[in-house]
Amino acid sequence: MGDVYVECLVKKRLGPKDLLVCGGIVLGAAAFMALGMYVCLYILLFPQLSVLLTAGICWGGYKLLCTQLLEFEYSLTNGYVTVDKIIHKASRKRLAAFELDGCEGMGLYQEHAQRLAAAHFDTRLMACRQHDGQGAWFLAVQGGKTGKTLLVFDPSEEFLEAVKKFLPRSLRRELEA
């Protein structure tokens, strides 16, 4: 058997909470611009500063809005899974990395949501398209740095089949039944 390497990239959809955050950023930037222009024009009497201040606030607001544009990348290399969060296609942060031989559970998230909500996990990662995990799968693993981890993710069919190959035999049988 040769090396197995599979990647999957998922773009997170903006939910109601994300839209509220974006609206707050826009309103906050507008309020700061109005306050800054008032202070620069009427109190400091230095209008050139208001142009720089407005440009800075617009740039900061844009950068904050861009933090809401998320993608998740799952990669599997010979039973070793990594999950990365990509922010605005510019920066990458490793969320989790673990071996699949430490996997304790796997299945459709919605079918097991109540049981998983009551279970204890050191880390819970919602790395999926929908904020509520609709249509997603879960992995419960004993990870190295993250401890007992619940990963909710949206794998492609190819990624899902590759993951199943590296699961412990008892768990693989359970999924096939």
Protein backbone atom coordinates (compact mmCIF):
# COMPACT_ATOMS: atom_id res chain seq x y z
CA MET A 1 0.00 0.00 0.00
CA GLY A 2 1.46 3.38 -1.04
CA ASP A 3 1.27 6.65 0.76
CA VAL A 4 -2.19 8.13 1.16
CA TYR A 5 -2.57 11.91 0.90
CA VAL A 6 -5.98 13.59 0.60
CA GLU A 7 -6.96 17.23 1.07
CA CYS A 8 -10.33 18.87 1.42
CA LEU A 9 -11.05 22.61 1.43
CA VAL A 10 -14.38 23.91 2.80
CA LYS A 11 -15.59 27.50 2.76
CA LYS A 12 -17.59 28.55 5.84
CA ARG A 13 -20.91 30.20 5.09
CA LEU A 14 -21.78 33.39 6.95
CA GLY A 15 -24.44 32.73 9.56
CA PRO A 16 -26.65 35.19 11.44
CA LYS A 17 -24.01 35.73 14.13
CA ASP A 18 -21.35 36.46 11.50
CA LEU A 19 -23.64 38.96 9.76
CA LEU A 20 -24.27 40.73 13.09
CA VAL A 21 -20.51 40.97 13.67
CA CYS A 22 -20.02 42.41 10.17
CA GLY A 23 -22.80 44.95 10.76
CA GLY A 24 -21.22 45.91 14.09
CA ILE A 25 -17.85 46.42 12.42
CA VAL A 26 -19.37 48.68 9.75
CA LEU A 27 -21.37 50.71 12.29
CA GLY A 28 -18.36 50.99 14.61
CA ALA A 29 -16.11 52.17 11.78
CA ALA A 30 -18.70 54.75 10.70
CA ALA A 31 -19.04 56.04 14.28
CA PHE A 32 -15.25 56.29 14.70
CA MET A 33 -14.93 58.11 11.37
CA ALA A 34 -17.61 60.64 12.35
CA LEU A 35 -16.04 61.20 15.76
CA GLY A 36 -12.56 61.47 14.27
CA MET A 37 -13.63 63.95 11.64
CA TYR A 38 -15.43 66.07 14.25
CA VAL A 39 -12.39 66.11 16.53
CA CYS A 40 -9.96 66.86 13.69
CA LEU A 41 -12.07 69.57 12.03
CA TYR A 42 -13.68 71.38 14.97
CA ILE A 43 -11.50 70.75 18.01
CA LEU A 44 -7.95 70.33 16.67
CA LEU A 45 -8.56 72.48 13.57
CA PHE A 46 -6.32 70.17 11.56
CA PRO A 47 -8.30 68.89 8.52
CA GLN A 48 -5.38 66.98 6.95
CA LEU A 49 -5.38 64.65 9.94
CA SER A 50 -9.03 63.78 9.31
CA VAL A 51 -8.14 62.36 5.88
CA LEU A 52 -5.43 60.12 7.38
CA LEU A 53 -7.68 59.09 10.25
CA THR A 54 -10.55 58.21 7.88
CA ALA A 55 -8.23 56.17 5.66
CA GLY A 56 -6.86 54.32 8.70
CA ILE A 57 -10.33 53.54 10.05
CA CYS A 58 -11.49 52.29 6.62
CA TRP A 59 -8.42 50.06 6.34
CA GLY A 60 -8.93 48.68 9.87
CA GLY A 61 -12.62 48.03 9.22
CA TYR A 62 -11.77 46.21 5.98
CA LYS A 63 -9.22 44.03 7.79
CA LEU A 64 -11.74 43.20 10.53
CA LEU A 65 -14.39 42.32 7.94
CA CYS A 66 -11.92 40.03 6.18
CA THR A 67 -11.47 38.00 9.38
CA GLN A 68 -15.04 36.76 8.88
CA LEU A 69 -14.15 35.07 5.57
CA LEU A 70 -13.05 31.62 6.70
CA GLU A 71 -12.08 28.39 4.99
CA PHE A 72 -11.10 25.12 6.61
CA GLU A 73 -8.59 22.71 5.14
CA TYR A 74 -8.47 19.08 6.22
CA SER A 75 -5.55 16.97 5.12
CA LEU A 76 -4.89 13.30 5.69
CA THR A 77 -1.44 11.79 5.31
CA ASN A 78 -1.14 8.09 6.16
CA GLY A 79 -3.58 8.27 9.07
CA TYR A 80 -2.39 11.68 10.35
CA VAL A 81 -5.08 14.37 10.10
CA THR A 82 -4.46 18.12 10.26
CA VAL A 83 -7.15 20.79 10.37
CA ASP A 84 -6.23 24.36 9.42
CA LYS A 85 -8.28 27.56 9.50
CA ILE A 86 -7.57 29.90 6.57
CA ILE A 87 -8.55 33.52 7.10
CA HIS A 88 -9.32 35.52 3.93
CA LYS A 89 -6.97 33.30 1.90
CA ALA A 90 -4.09 35.15 3.55
CA SER A 91 -3.21 33.56 6.87
CA ARG A 92 -3.36 30.00 8.13
CA LYS A 93 -3.70 28.69 11.66
CA ARG A 94 -3.41 25.04 12.69
CA LEU A 95 -6.46 24.08 14.74
CA ALA A 96 -5.72 20.42 15.37
CA ALA A 97 -3.48 17.55 14.38
CA PHE A 98 -3.95 13.94 15.42
CA GLU A 99 -3.53 10.29 14.46
CA LEU A 100 -6.68 8.42 13.49
CA ASP A 101 -5.67 5.35 15.50
CA GLY A 102 -6.74 7.36 18.58
CA CYS A 103 -10.25 7.86 17.18
CA GLU A 104 -13.02 6.98 19.62
CA GLY A 105 -16.07 7.82 17.52
CA MET A 106 -17.23 8.93 14.09
CA GLY A 107 -20.57 9.52 12.43
CA LEU A 108 -23.07 12.05 11.20
CA TYR A 109 -23.13 14.97 13.62
CA GLN A 110 -26.89 15.63 13.58
CA GLU A 111 -27.68 12.02 14.54
CA HIS A 112 -25.41 12.19 17.61
CA ALA A 113 -25.67 15.92 18.50
CA GLN A 114 -27.45 15.47 21.85
CA ARG A 115 -25.07 12.77 23.05
CA LEU A 116 -22.03 14.79 21.94
CA ALA A 117 -23.33 17.97 23.63
CA ALA A 118 -23.51 16.13 26.96
CA ALA A 119 -20.09 14.45 26.59
CA HIS A 120 -16.90 16.00 27.95
CA PHE A 121 -14.29 17.17 25.44
CA ASP A 122 -11.20 19.27 26.10
CA THR A 123 -11.54 20.91 22.68
CA ARG A 124 -14.55 21.33 20.39
CA LEU A 125 -13.85 22.40 16.80
CA MET A 126 -16.67 23.42 14.46
CA ALA A 127 -14.72 23.35 11.19
CA CYS A 128 -17.71 23.02 8.86
CA ARG A 129 -19.79 25.01 6.35
CA GLN A 130 -22.83 25.62 8.55
CA HIS A 131 -22.57 27.12 12.02
CA ASP A 132 -24.93 24.46 13.40
CA GLY A 133 -23.13 21.47 11.84
CA GLN A 134 -25.99 20.52 9.54
CA GLY A 135 -24.93 17.75 7.15
CA ALA A 136 -21.52 17.46 8.84
CA TRP A 137 -19.59 14.51 10.25
CA PHE A 138 -17.85 14.29 13.59
CA LEU A 139 -14.65 12.69 14.83
CA ALA A 140 -14.01 12.15 18.54
CA VAL A 141 -10.28 11.65 18.99
CA GLN A 142 -7.68 11.60 21.70
CA GLY A 143 -5.22 14.16 20.33
CA GLY A 144 -1.73 15.09 21.45
CA LYS A 145 -1.80 18.80 22.27
CA THR A 146 -5.57 19.30 22.22
CA GLY A 147 -6.50 16.39 24.50
CA LYS A 148 -9.87 14.76 23.87
CA THR A 149 -11.16 16.58 20.80
CA LEU A 150 -14.50 16.74 19.02
CA LEU A 151 -14.06 17.74 15.39
CA VAL A 152 -17.18 18.60 13.40
CA PHE A 153 -16.29 18.79 9.70
CA ASP A 154 -17.64 18.57 6.13
CA PRO A 155 -15.46 16.07 4.30
CA SER A 156 -15.63 15.26 0.61
CA GLU A 157 -16.48 11.66 -0.31
CA GLU A 158 -12.84 10.99 -1.19
CA PHE A 159 -11.62 12.35 2.16
CA LEU A 160 -14.28 10.40 4.07
CA GLU A 161 -13.32 7.11 2.41
CA ALA A 162 -9.64 7.75 3.11
CA VAL A 163 -10.39 8.48 6.79
CA LYS A 164 -12.39 5.27 7.15
CA LYS A 165 -9.38 3.24 5.98
CA PHE A 166 -7.29 4.42 8.95
CA LEU A 167 -9.92 4.12 11.70
CA PRO A 168 -9.60 1.39 14.35
CA ARG A 169 -11.15 -1.85 13.13
CA SER A 170 -14.00 -1.85 15.67
CA LEU A 171 -15.06 1.67 14.70
CA ARG A 172 -14.83 0.86 10.99
CA ARG A 173 -17.15 -2.13 11.47
CA GLU A 174 -19.57 0.06 13.41
CA LEU A 175 -19.73 2.59 10.54
CA GLU A 176 -20.27 -0.12 7.93
CA ALA A 177 -23.18 -1.63 9.84
